[in-house]
């Protein structure tokens, strides 16, 4: 008697099942790696981050405050939306390159490039309408009665949505966003930074040429 041949349908099902299992394992590993690199612990595992910007950050209200609510490195520097997060992770490969090159591995080297590094972050935040700031801060939920007059003038114009405000109200008419007024909120401002040249709505620091060291 001839041996029974395996059914074609069963073989296809087995292959699909194996493929799904491999996909789940791959996705689980990928997502685990993404989350592991999206923590404060990972960020400061690099010497240049721990002894420079992290030390500065620990003296700010984003690190310690009366409510105990903290904004950690990835909260401010890594998008929450998946597509934007992937793009940011790809961009970070350039940072890994410079880490292994020792480009900013001493405080002296870091400070020498601080204006350029800060400029990169400022431009990114400006281009995204300070997206990561807005993960925690919402104009619609601010208690303006507890803010200084100057802050109220800026924030009231933005309440109701960045793109849905009176063009004459506060800073909104100039297309301003959080980073326009809040540079240096968590880290030391770089040498060479001139507040007179960073007037909200008229800042020179969103032009790469003005923060480049070349």
N, C-alpha and C. Protein backbone atom coordinates (compact mmCIF):
# COMPACT_ATOMS: atom_id res chain seq x y z
N UNK A 1 0.83 -1.20 0.00
CA UNK A 1 0.00 0.00 0.00
C UNK A 1 0.87 1.26 0.00
N UNK A 2 0.46 2.25 -0.77
CA UNK A 2 1.23 3.50 -0.80
C UNK A 2 0.95 4.33 0.44
N UNK A 3 2.00 5.09 0.87
CA UNK A 3 1.85 5.93 2.05
C UNK A 3 0.90 7.09 1.76
N UNK A 4 0.13 7.43 2.77
CA UNK A 4 -0.82 8.54 2.60
C UNK A 4 -0.08 9.86 2.52
N UNK A 5 -0.41 10.65 1.54
CA UNK A 5 0.22 11.95 1.37
C UNK A 5 -0.44 12.98 2.29
N UNK A 6 0.37 13.89 2.92
CA UNK A 6 -0.21 14.91 3.80
C UNK A 6 -1.13 15.84 3.01
N UNK A 7 -2.17 16.20 3.64
CA UNK A 7 -3.10 17.10 2.98
C UNK A 7 -2.49 18.48 2.79
N UNK A 8 -2.70 19.03 1.58
CA UNK A 8 -2.13 20.34 1.26
C UNK A 8 -2.65 21.43 2.18
N UNK A 9 -3.92 21.38 2.51
CA UNK A 9 -4.51 22.40 3.39
C UNK A 9 -3.87 22.41 4.76
N UNK A 10 -3.57 21.21 5.26
CA UNK A 10 -2.95 21.10 6.58
C UNK A 10 -1.56 21.69 6.57
N UNK A 11 -0.82 21.48 5.49
CA UNK A 11 0.53 22.02 5.37
C UNK A 11 0.52 23.55 5.34
N UNK A 12 -0.41 24.10 4.59
CA UNK A 12 -0.53 25.56 4.50
C UNK A 12 -0.87 26.14 5.87
N UNK A 13 -1.80 25.49 6.56
CA UNK A 13 -2.18 25.95 7.89
C UNK A 13 -0.99 25.92 8.85
N UNK A 14 -0.19 24.87 8.76
CA UNK A 14 0.99 24.74 9.63
C UNK A 14 1.98 25.87 9.36
N UNK A 15 2.21 26.14 8.07
CA UNK A 15 3.13 27.22 7.70
C UNK A 15 2.62 28.57 8.21
N UNK A 16 1.33 28.80 8.05
CA UNK A 16 0.74 30.05 8.52
C UNK A 16 0.86 30.17 10.03
N UNK A 17 0.63 29.07 10.72
CA UNK A 17 0.71 29.07 12.18
C UNK A 17 2.13 29.39 12.64
N UNK A 18 3.09 28.79 11.97
CA UNK A 18 4.49 29.05 12.31
C UNK A 18 4.85 30.51 12.02
N UNK A 19 4.33 31.02 10.89
CA UNK A 19 4.59 32.41 10.53
C UNK A 19 4.03 33.38 11.54
N UNK A 20 2.81 33.10 12.01
CA UNK A 20 2.18 33.95 13.02
C UNK A 20 2.98 33.92 14.31
N UNK A 21 3.42 32.71 14.70
CA UNK A 21 4.20 32.58 15.93
C UNK A 21 5.52 33.36 15.84
N UNK A 22 6.18 33.25 14.71
CA UNK A 22 7.43 33.99 14.51
C UNK A 22 7.17 35.49 14.53
N UNK A 23 6.04 35.91 13.90
CA UNK A 23 5.69 37.33 13.89
C UNK A 23 5.44 37.87 15.28
N UNK A 24 4.74 37.07 16.10
CA UNK A 24 4.46 37.50 17.48
C UNK A 24 5.74 37.63 18.28
N UNK A 25 6.63 36.64 18.11
CA UNK A 25 7.91 36.67 18.82
C UNK A 25 8.74 37.87 18.39
N UNK A 26 8.78 38.11 17.06
CA UNK A 26 9.55 39.24 16.55
C UNK A 26 8.99 40.56 17.06
N UNK A 27 7.66 40.71 16.98
CA UNK A 27 7.03 41.95 17.40
C UNK A 27 7.21 42.16 18.90
N UNK A 28 7.09 41.09 19.66
CA UNK A 28 7.29 41.21 21.09
C UNK A 28 8.70 41.65 21.43
N UNK A 29 9.68 41.05 20.74
CA UNK A 29 11.07 41.43 20.98
C UNK A 29 11.34 42.86 20.56
N UNK A 30 10.77 43.25 19.40
CA UNK A 30 10.97 44.61 18.90
C UNK A 30 10.36 45.63 19.86
N UNK A 31 9.13 45.36 20.30
CA UNK A 31 8.45 46.28 21.20
C UNK A 31 9.16 46.36 22.55
N UNK A 32 9.67 45.22 23.02
CA UNK A 32 10.41 45.20 24.28
C UNK A 32 11.66 46.06 24.18
N UNK A 33 12.36 45.94 23.05
CA UNK A 33 13.56 46.74 22.83
C UNK A 33 13.22 48.23 22.76
N UNK A 34 12.11 48.55 22.10
CA UNK A 34 11.67 49.94 22.00
C UNK A 34 11.41 50.53 23.38
N UNK A 35 10.70 49.76 24.21
CA UNK A 35 10.37 50.25 25.54
C UNK A 35 11.61 50.35 26.43
N UNK A 36 12.52 49.40 26.27
CA UNK A 36 13.74 49.41 27.08
C UNK A 36 14.61 50.62 26.77
N UNK A 37 14.58 51.08 25.52
CA UNK A 37 15.37 52.25 25.13
C UNK A 37 14.59 53.55 25.32
N UNK A 38 13.43 53.43 25.91
CA UNK A 38 12.58 54.60 26.09
C UNK A 38 12.40 54.91 27.58
N UNK A 39 13.47 54.74 28.34
CA UNK A 39 13.44 54.98 29.78
C UNK A 39 14.55 55.95 30.17
N UNK A 40 14.36 56.59 31.29
CA UNK A 40 15.39 57.49 31.80
C UNK A 40 16.67 56.74 32.11
N UNK A 41 16.53 55.52 32.63
CA UNK A 41 17.70 54.70 32.96
C UNK A 41 18.56 54.46 31.73
N UNK A 42 17.91 54.17 30.60
CA UNK A 42 18.66 53.95 29.36
C UNK A 42 19.32 55.24 28.90
N UNK A 43 18.59 56.34 28.98
CA UNK A 43 19.12 57.63 28.52
C UNK A 43 20.41 58.01 29.24
N UNK A 44 20.43 57.81 30.55
CA UNK A 44 21.61 58.24 31.32
C UNK A 44 22.64 57.13 31.47
N UNK A 45 22.43 56.02 30.74
CA UNK A 45 23.46 54.98 30.74
C UNK A 45 24.69 55.45 29.97
N UNK A 46 24.51 56.48 29.15
CA UNK A 46 25.65 57.10 28.46
C UNK A 46 26.26 58.15 29.40
N UNK A 47 27.57 58.09 29.56
CA UNK A 47 28.29 58.96 30.48
C UNK A 47 28.01 60.43 30.18
N UNK A 48 28.03 60.80 28.90
CA UNK A 48 27.87 62.21 28.55
C UNK A 48 26.49 62.75 28.92
N UNK A 49 25.48 61.90 28.95
CA UNK A 49 24.16 62.34 29.35
C UNK A 49 24.05 62.45 30.88
N UNK A 50 24.61 61.48 31.57
CA UNK A 50 24.49 61.44 33.03
C UNK A 50 25.20 62.61 33.71
N UNK A 51 26.40 62.95 33.25
CA UNK A 51 27.19 63.97 33.95
C UNK A 51 26.92 65.37 33.44
N UNK A 52 26.17 65.51 32.38
CA UNK A 52 25.89 66.85 31.85
C UNK A 52 24.41 67.21 32.01
N UNK A 53 23.61 66.87 31.03
CA UNK A 53 22.21 67.32 31.03
C UNK A 53 21.38 66.71 32.16
N UNK A 54 21.68 65.47 32.55
CA UNK A 54 20.90 64.86 33.63
C UNK A 54 21.14 65.57 34.96
N UNK A 55 22.38 65.91 35.24
CA UNK A 55 22.71 66.62 36.48
C UNK A 55 21.98 67.96 36.54
N UNK A 56 21.90 68.64 35.41
CA UNK A 56 21.19 69.92 35.37
C UNK A 56 19.69 69.72 35.61
N UNK A 57 19.18 68.70 34.99
CA UNK A 57 17.74 68.41 35.07
C UNK A 57 17.30 68.12 36.51
N UNK A 58 18.17 67.50 37.31
CA UNK A 58 17.78 67.15 38.68
C UNK A 58 17.56 68.37 39.57
N UNK A 59 17.96 69.54 39.11
CA UNK A 59 17.75 70.77 39.88
C UNK A 59 16.52 71.54 39.41
N UNK A 60 15.72 70.94 38.56
CA UNK A 60 14.57 71.65 38.00
C UNK A 60 13.25 71.09 38.51
N UNK A 61 12.19 71.83 38.26
CA UNK A 61 10.85 71.44 38.72
C UNK A 61 10.33 70.23 37.96
N UNK A 62 10.91 69.94 36.80
CA UNK A 62 10.49 68.75 36.07
C UNK A 62 10.98 67.47 36.75
N UNK A 63 12.01 67.60 37.59
CA UNK A 63 12.56 66.43 38.29
C UNK A 63 11.94 66.24 39.67
N UNK A 64 11.84 67.34 40.43
CA UNK A 64 11.26 67.24 41.77
C UNK A 64 10.36 68.45 42.04
N UNK A 65 9.21 68.20 42.62
CA UNK A 65 8.25 69.27 42.88
C UNK A 65 7.28 68.81 43.97
N UNK A 66 6.40 69.68 44.39
CA UNK A 66 5.52 69.39 45.53
C UNK A 66 4.53 68.26 45.24
N UNK A 67 4.19 68.02 43.98
CA UNK A 67 3.21 66.99 43.66
C UNK A 67 3.84 65.63 43.37
N UNK A 68 5.15 65.62 43.10
CA UNK A 68 5.82 64.36 42.79
C UNK A 68 5.61 63.87 41.38
N UNK A 69 5.05 64.71 40.53
CA UNK A 69 4.85 64.35 39.12
C UNK A 69 6.10 64.74 38.34
N UNK A 70 6.71 63.78 37.66
CA UNK A 70 7.97 64.05 36.96
C UNK A 70 7.82 63.89 35.45
N UNK A 71 8.60 64.68 34.73
CA UNK A 71 8.74 64.51 33.30
C UNK A 71 10.16 63.99 33.08
N UNK A 72 10.30 62.76 32.62
CA UNK A 72 11.62 62.17 32.42
C UNK A 72 12.11 62.43 31.01
N UNK A 73 13.33 62.01 30.72
CA UNK A 73 13.96 62.28 29.42
C UNK A 73 13.04 61.92 28.24
N UNK A 74 12.55 60.68 28.17
CA UNK A 74 11.70 60.34 27.02
C UNK A 74 10.37 61.09 26.97
N UNK A 75 9.87 61.54 28.11
CA UNK A 75 8.63 62.31 28.10
C UNK A 75 8.79 63.59 27.27
N UNK A 76 9.97 64.18 27.32
CA UNK A 76 10.21 65.44 26.62
C UNK A 76 10.87 65.27 25.26
N UNK A 77 11.57 64.15 25.07
CA UNK A 77 12.39 64.02 23.86
C UNK A 77 12.00 62.88 22.94
N UNK A 78 11.01 62.07 23.32
CA UNK A 78 10.58 60.97 22.46
C UNK A 78 9.07 61.05 22.26
N UNK A 79 8.60 61.11 21.03
CA UNK A 79 7.16 61.18 20.78
C UNK A 79 6.45 59.93 21.29
N UNK A 80 5.19 60.07 21.63
CA UNK A 80 4.39 58.92 22.07
C UNK A 80 3.76 58.19 20.90
N UNK A 81 3.39 58.92 19.84
CA UNK A 81 2.79 58.29 18.67
C UNK A 81 3.80 57.38 17.99
N UNK A 82 3.36 56.20 17.56
CA UNK A 82 4.27 55.16 17.10
C UNK A 82 5.13 55.60 15.92
N UNK A 83 4.52 56.17 14.89
CA UNK A 83 5.27 56.56 13.70
C UNK A 83 6.33 57.60 14.05
N UNK A 84 5.94 58.62 14.80
CA UNK A 84 6.89 59.66 15.19
C UNK A 84 7.99 59.09 16.09
N UNK A 85 7.61 58.12 16.91
CA UNK A 85 8.61 57.49 17.80
C UNK A 85 9.65 56.73 16.99
N UNK A 86 9.20 56.00 15.97
CA UNK A 86 10.14 55.26 15.12
C UNK A 86 11.10 56.21 14.41
N UNK A 87 10.55 57.30 13.89
CA UNK A 87 11.40 58.29 13.22
C UNK A 87 12.46 58.83 14.18
N UNK A 88 12.04 59.11 15.41
CA UNK A 88 12.99 59.64 16.41
C UNK A 88 14.05 58.61 16.75
N UNK A 89 13.67 57.33 16.83
CA UNK A 89 14.64 56.28 17.13
C UNK A 89 15.67 56.15 16.01
N UNK A 90 15.21 56.29 14.78
CA UNK A 90 16.14 56.23 13.64
C UNK A 90 17.11 57.41 13.70
N UNK A 91 16.59 58.59 14.01
CA UNK A 91 17.45 59.77 14.14
C UNK A 91 18.49 59.58 15.24
N UNK A 92 18.10 58.84 16.28
CA UNK A 92 18.99 58.64 17.42
C UNK A 92 20.22 57.80 17.08
N UNK A 93 20.18 57.09 15.96
CA UNK A 93 21.35 56.31 15.57
C UNK A 93 22.55 57.22 15.33
N UNK A 94 22.28 58.46 14.92
CA UNK A 94 23.37 59.42 14.76
C UNK A 94 24.00 59.77 16.10
N UNK A 95 23.16 59.81 17.14
CA UNK A 95 23.67 60.09 18.48
C UNK A 95 24.54 58.94 18.98
N UNK A 96 24.15 57.71 18.63
CA UNK A 96 24.96 56.55 19.00
C UNK A 96 26.33 56.61 18.32
N UNK A 97 26.34 57.03 17.07
CA UNK A 97 27.60 57.16 16.34
C UNK A 97 28.54 58.12 17.07
N UNK A 98 28.02 59.28 17.46
CA UNK A 98 28.86 60.27 18.14
C UNK A 98 29.24 59.81 19.55
N UNK A 99 28.37 58.99 20.16
CA UNK A 99 28.72 58.43 21.47
C UNK A 99 29.97 57.57 21.35
N UNK A 100 29.98 56.69 20.37
CA UNK A 100 31.13 55.80 20.21
C UNK A 100 32.35 56.53 19.67
N UNK A 101 32.12 57.66 19.01
CA UNK A 101 33.23 58.48 18.53
C UNK A 101 33.82 59.35 19.64
N UNK A 102 33.10 59.48 20.75
CA UNK A 102 33.57 60.31 21.86
C UNK A 102 33.47 61.79 21.56
N UNK A 103 32.52 62.17 20.72
CA UNK A 103 32.39 63.57 20.29
C UNK A 103 32.11 64.52 21.46
N UNK A 104 31.32 64.05 22.43
CA UNK A 104 30.96 64.92 23.56
C UNK A 104 31.14 64.16 24.89
N UNK A 105 32.21 63.40 24.98
CA UNK A 105 32.37 62.53 26.15
C UNK A 105 33.01 63.18 27.37
N UNK A 106 33.26 64.49 27.29
CA UNK A 106 33.73 65.22 28.47
C UNK A 106 32.89 66.48 28.60
N UNK A 107 32.77 67.03 29.81
CA UNK A 107 32.00 68.27 29.99
C UNK A 107 32.49 69.39 29.08
N UNK A 108 33.80 69.43 28.86
CA UNK A 108 34.37 70.48 28.01
C UNK A 108 33.90 70.33 26.57
N UNK A 109 33.95 69.10 26.07
CA UNK A 109 33.50 68.85 24.70
C UNK A 109 32.00 69.11 24.57
N UNK A 110 31.26 68.72 25.60
CA UNK A 110 29.80 68.90 25.57
C UNK A 110 29.46 70.38 25.52
N UNK A 111 30.09 71.17 26.37
CA UNK A 111 29.79 72.60 26.41
C UNK A 111 30.19 73.29 25.12
N UNK A 112 31.24 72.79 24.49
CA UNK A 112 31.69 73.37 23.22
C UNK A 112 30.62 73.21 22.14
N UNK A 113 29.87 72.13 22.21
CA UNK A 113 28.84 71.86 21.20
C UNK A 113 27.42 72.13 21.72
N UNK A 114 27.31 72.65 22.92
CA UNK A 114 25.99 72.80 23.54
C UNK A 114 25.04 73.66 22.71
N UNK A 115 25.50 74.74 22.13
CA UNK A 115 24.62 75.60 21.34
C UNK A 115 24.07 74.85 20.14
N UNK A 116 24.93 74.08 19.50
CA UNK A 116 24.50 73.31 18.34
C UNK A 116 23.49 72.23 18.75
N UNK A 117 23.77 71.54 19.85
CA UNK A 117 22.87 70.48 20.34
C UNK A 117 21.52 71.07 20.76
N UNK A 118 21.58 72.18 21.49
CA UNK A 118 20.33 72.83 21.92
C UNK A 118 19.54 73.32 20.71
N UNK A 119 20.23 73.87 19.74
CA UNK A 119 19.57 74.36 18.54
C UNK A 119 18.82 73.24 17.81
N UNK A 120 19.42 72.06 17.78
CA UNK A 120 18.76 70.91 17.14
C UNK A 120 17.44 70.60 17.83
N UNK A 121 17.45 70.63 19.16
CA UNK A 121 16.24 70.32 19.94
C UNK A 121 15.21 71.44 19.77
N UNK A 122 15.67 72.68 19.84
CA UNK A 122 14.74 73.81 19.71
C UNK A 122 14.02 73.78 18.37
N UNK A 123 14.77 73.52 17.30
CA UNK A 123 14.15 73.48 15.96
C UNK A 123 13.15 72.33 15.86
N UNK A 124 13.52 71.20 16.44
CA UNK A 124 12.61 70.05 16.39
C UNK A 124 11.31 70.36 17.14
N UNK A 125 11.43 70.98 18.30
CA UNK A 125 10.24 71.29 19.08
C UNK A 125 9.40 72.36 18.40
N UNK A 126 10.04 73.31 17.78
CA UNK A 126 9.31 74.34 17.05
C UNK A 126 8.54 73.73 15.89
N UNK A 127 9.18 72.80 15.18
CA UNK A 127 8.54 72.21 14.00
C UNK A 127 7.36 71.32 14.34
N UNK A 128 7.32 70.80 15.58
CA UNK A 128 6.21 69.93 15.99
C UNK A 128 5.21 70.65 16.89
N UNK A 129 5.32 71.97 16.97
CA UNK A 129 4.44 72.74 17.85
C UNK A 129 4.58 72.26 19.30
N UNK A 130 5.83 72.00 19.70
CA UNK A 130 6.12 71.56 21.07
C UNK A 130 5.25 70.37 21.48
N UNK A 131 5.18 69.41 20.58
CA UNK A 131 4.28 68.26 20.76
C UNK A 131 4.47 67.54 22.09
N UNK A 132 5.71 67.31 22.47
CA UNK A 132 5.96 66.57 23.70
C UNK A 132 5.59 67.39 24.94
N UNK A 133 5.71 68.71 24.88
CA UNK A 133 5.26 69.55 25.99
C UNK A 133 3.77 69.37 26.20
N UNK A 134 3.05 69.27 25.10
CA UNK A 134 1.59 69.21 25.14
C UNK A 134 1.06 67.85 25.61
N UNK A 135 1.96 66.89 25.75
CA UNK A 135 1.53 65.62 26.33
C UNK A 135 1.07 65.81 27.77
N UNK A 136 1.65 66.81 28.43
CA UNK A 136 1.31 67.08 29.84
C UNK A 136 0.59 68.42 30.02
N UNK A 137 0.99 69.42 29.25
CA UNK A 137 0.46 70.77 29.44
C UNK A 137 -0.63 71.08 28.42
N UNK A 138 -1.80 71.44 28.91
CA UNK A 138 -2.89 71.80 28.01
C UNK A 138 -3.41 73.19 28.34
N UNK A 139 -3.44 74.08 27.35
CA UNK A 139 -3.90 75.45 27.59
C UNK A 139 -5.34 75.48 28.09
N UNK A 140 -6.15 74.54 27.62
CA UNK A 140 -7.56 74.53 27.99
C UNK A 140 -7.77 74.23 29.47
N UNK A 141 -6.76 73.65 30.11
CA UNK A 141 -6.90 73.24 31.51
C UNK A 141 -6.06 74.07 32.46
N UNK A 142 -5.49 75.16 31.97
CA UNK A 142 -4.68 76.03 32.82
C UNK A 142 -5.58 76.94 33.65
N UNK A 143 -5.18 77.17 34.89
CA UNK A 143 -5.90 78.10 35.77
C UNK A 143 -5.19 79.45 35.65
N UNK A 144 -5.71 80.30 34.78
CA UNK A 144 -5.05 81.58 34.52
C UNK A 144 -5.03 82.50 35.73
N UNK A 145 -5.93 82.27 36.68
CA UNK A 145 -5.95 83.10 37.88
C UNK A 145 -4.70 82.89 38.74
N UNK A 146 -4.01 81.78 38.53
CA UNK A 146 -2.83 81.46 39.32
C UNK A 146 -1.53 81.72 38.56
N UNK A 147 -1.65 82.36 37.39
CA UNK A 147 -0.48 82.67 36.59
C UNK A 147 -0.17 84.17 36.62
N UNK A 148 1.09 84.48 36.35
CA UNK A 148 1.48 85.88 36.25
C UNK A 148 0.84 86.49 35.01
N UNK A 149 0.66 87.80 35.05
CA UNK A 149 -0.02 88.49 33.94
C UNK A 149 0.65 88.22 32.60
N UNK A 150 1.98 88.23 32.59
CA UNK A 150 2.71 88.01 31.34
C UNK A 150 2.41 86.63 30.76
N UNK A 151 2.35 85.61 31.65
CA UNK A 151 2.04 84.26 31.19
C UNK A 151 0.61 84.16 30.68
N UNK A 152 -0.30 84.81 31.39
CA UNK A 152 -1.71 84.78 30.98
C UNK A 152 -1.87 85.37 29.59
N UNK A 153 -1.18 86.48 29.33
CA UNK A 153 -1.28 87.12 28.02
C UNK A 153 -0.87 86.17 26.90
N UNK A 154 0.13 85.33 27.18
CA UNK A 154 0.59 84.37 26.17
C UNK A 154 -0.37 83.19 26.06
N UNK A 155 -0.73 82.63 27.21
CA UNK A 155 -1.47 81.37 27.22
C UNK A 155 -2.94 81.51 26.85
N UNK A 156 -3.58 82.59 27.24
CA UNK A 156 -5.01 82.74 26.95
C UNK A 156 -5.28 82.70 25.46
N UNK A 157 -4.36 83.25 24.70
CA UNK A 157 -4.54 83.29 23.25
C UNK A 157 -4.50 81.92 22.61
N UNK A 158 -3.90 80.97 23.33
CA UNK A 158 -3.75 79.63 22.77
C UNK A 158 -4.82 78.67 23.28
N UNK A 159 -5.54 79.03 24.30
CA UNK A 159 -6.60 78.17 24.83
C UNK A 159 -7.66 77.94 23.76
N UNK A 160 -8.10 76.71 23.64
CA UNK A 160 -9.10 76.39 22.62
C UNK A 160 -8.50 75.71 21.41
N UNK A 161 -7.16 75.64 21.39
CA UNK A 161 -6.51 74.96 20.27
C UNK A 161 -5.57 75.87 19.53
N UNK A 162 -4.41 75.35 19.22
CA UNK A 162 -3.36 76.14 18.57
C UNK A 162 -3.81 76.73 17.24
N UNK A 163 -4.63 75.97 16.52
CA UNK A 163 -5.04 76.41 15.19
C UNK A 163 -6.43 77.04 15.17
N UNK A 164 -7.01 77.25 16.36
CA UNK A 164 -8.38 77.75 16.39
C UNK A 164 -8.49 78.97 17.31
N UNK A 165 -7.52 79.87 17.20
CA UNK A 165 -7.52 81.00 18.10
C UNK A 165 -7.61 82.31 17.34
N UNK A 166 -7.98 83.33 18.07
CA UNK A 166 -8.03 84.68 17.52
C UNK A 166 -6.62 85.09 17.14
N UNK A 167 -6.41 85.53 15.91
CA UNK A 167 -5.07 85.87 15.46
C UNK A 167 -4.48 87.05 16.24
N UNK A 168 -5.31 87.79 16.95
CA UNK A 168 -4.81 88.91 17.73
C UNK A 168 -4.62 88.56 19.20
N UNK A 169 -4.95 87.34 19.57
CA UNK A 169 -4.90 86.95 20.97
C UNK A 169 -3.55 86.35 21.32
N UNK A 170 -2.90 86.93 22.31
CA UNK A 170 -1.65 86.37 22.83
C UNK A 170 -0.62 86.11 21.76
N UNK A 171 0.04 84.96 21.89
CA UNK A 171 1.13 84.62 20.98
C UNK A 171 0.67 83.85 19.76
N UNK A 172 -0.57 83.43 19.75
CA UNK A 172 -1.03 82.53 18.70
C UNK A 172 -0.94 83.12 17.31
N UNK A 173 -1.17 84.41 17.19
CA UNK A 173 -1.13 85.05 15.89
C UNK A 173 0.21 84.95 15.21
N UNK A 174 1.27 84.74 16.02
CA UNK A 174 2.63 84.64 15.47
C UNK A 174 3.04 83.19 15.26
N UNK A 175 2.13 82.26 15.48
CA UNK A 175 2.45 80.85 15.33
C UNK A 175 3.40 80.37 16.40
N UNK A 176 3.34 81.00 17.56
CA UNK A 176 4.26 80.65 18.64
C UNK A 176 3.83 79.39 19.36
N UNK A 177 4.79 78.79 20.03
CA UNK A 177 4.54 77.57 20.76
C UNK A 177 5.41 77.55 22.02
N UNK A 178 5.26 76.52 22.83
CA UNK A 178 5.90 76.48 24.16
C UNK A 178 7.38 76.84 24.14
N UNK A 179 8.13 76.24 23.21
CA UNK A 179 9.58 76.40 23.21
C UNK A 179 10.00 77.84 22.95
N UNK A 180 9.13 78.65 22.37
CA UNK A 180 9.47 80.05 22.10
C UNK A 180 9.77 80.81 23.39
N UNK A 181 9.08 80.46 24.47
CA UNK A 181 9.26 81.18 25.73
C UNK A 181 9.95 80.36 26.81
N UNK A 182 10.10 79.06 26.58
CA UNK A 182 10.56 78.19 27.67
C UNK A 182 11.87 77.46 27.39
N UNK A 183 12.75 78.05 26.64
CA UNK A 183 14.08 77.46 26.47
C UNK A 183 14.82 77.50 27.81
N UNK A 184 15.59 76.47 28.08
CA UNK A 184 16.34 76.44 29.33
C UNK A 184 15.52 76.03 30.53
N UNK A 185 14.31 75.51 30.31
CA UNK A 185 13.44 75.15 31.43
C UNK A 185 13.95 73.93 32.18
N UNK A 186 14.69 73.06 31.49
CA UNK A 186 15.19 71.84 32.14
C UNK A 186 16.70 71.68 32.04
N UNK A 187 17.33 72.49 31.19
CA UNK A 187 18.78 72.38 31.00
C UNK A 187 19.42 73.76 30.90
N UNK A 188 20.70 73.81 31.20
CA UNK A 188 21.44 75.07 31.16
C UNK A 188 21.48 75.63 29.74
N UNK A 189 21.23 76.90 29.62
CA UNK A 189 21.32 77.54 28.30
C UNK A 189 22.78 77.60 27.87
N UNK A 190 23.05 77.43 26.60
CA UNK A 190 24.44 77.38 26.13
C UNK A 190 25.13 78.73 26.14
N UNK A 191 26.44 78.67 26.27
CA UNK A 191 27.24 79.90 26.14
C UNK A 191 27.03 80.44 24.73
N UNK A 192 26.89 81.72 24.62
CA UNK A 192 26.63 82.32 23.32
C UNK A 192 25.16 82.59 23.08
N UNK A 193 24.32 82.02 23.93
CA UNK A 193 22.88 82.29 23.82
C UNK A 193 22.60 83.71 24.28
N UNK A 194 21.90 84.47 23.47
CA UNK A 194 21.58 85.86 23.79
C UNK A 194 20.07 86.04 23.84
N UNK A 195 19.50 86.25 25.02
CA UNK A 195 18.03 86.40 25.12
C UNK A 195 17.49 87.56 24.30
N UNK A 196 18.33 88.55 24.04
CA UNK A 196 17.89 89.68 23.22
C UNK A 196 17.64 89.27 21.78
N UNK A 197 18.26 88.14 21.37
CA UNK A 197 18.08 87.64 20.01
C UNK A 197 17.06 86.50 19.97
N UNK A 198 16.44 86.26 21.11
CA UNK A 198 15.47 85.17 21.20
C UNK A 198 14.11 85.70 21.63
N UNK A 199 13.75 86.88 21.15
CA UNK A 199 12.45 87.47 21.46
C UNK A 199 11.36 86.59 20.84
N UNK A 200 10.38 86.16 21.63
CA UNK A 200 9.32 85.30 21.09
C UNK A 200 8.71 85.87 19.81
N UNK A 201 8.72 85.05 18.80
CA UNK A 201 8.19 85.48 17.51
C UNK A 201 9.26 86.06 16.59
N UNK A 202 10.44 86.36 17.14
CA UNK A 202 11.50 86.97 16.34
C UNK A 202 12.86 86.30 16.60
N UNK A 203 12.84 85.09 17.14
CA UNK A 203 14.08 84.41 17.51
C UNK A 203 14.94 84.07 16.29
N UNK A 204 16.26 84.20 16.48
CA UNK A 204 17.20 83.83 15.41
C UNK A 204 17.61 82.36 15.54
N UNK A 205 17.24 81.71 16.63
CA UNK A 205 17.79 80.39 16.94
C UNK A 205 17.10 79.22 16.24
N UNK A 206 16.09 79.50 15.43
CA UNK A 206 15.48 78.42 14.65
C UNK A 206 16.13 78.30 13.28
N UNK A 207 17.05 79.21 13.02
CA UNK A 207 17.86 79.14 11.81
C UNK A 207 19.12 78.36 12.15
N UNK A 208 19.31 77.23 11.49
CA UNK A 208 20.43 76.34 11.81
C UNK A 208 21.76 77.07 11.73
N UNK A 209 21.86 78.05 10.84
CA UNK A 209 23.13 78.77 10.67
C UNK A 209 23.52 79.52 11.94
N UNK A 210 22.54 79.87 12.77
CA UNK A 210 22.83 80.64 13.97
C UNK A 210 23.19 79.78 15.18
N UNK A 211 23.13 78.46 15.03
CA UNK A 211 23.55 77.57 16.11
C UNK A 211 24.64 76.62 15.65
N UNK A 212 25.01 76.73 14.39
CA UNK A 212 26.07 75.86 13.85
C UNK A 212 27.42 76.33 14.34
N UNK A 213 28.33 75.38 14.55
CA UNK A 213 29.68 75.71 15.00
C UNK A 213 30.65 75.83 13.83
N UNK A 214 30.16 75.58 12.64
CA UNK A 214 31.04 75.62 11.46
C UNK A 214 31.27 77.07 11.02
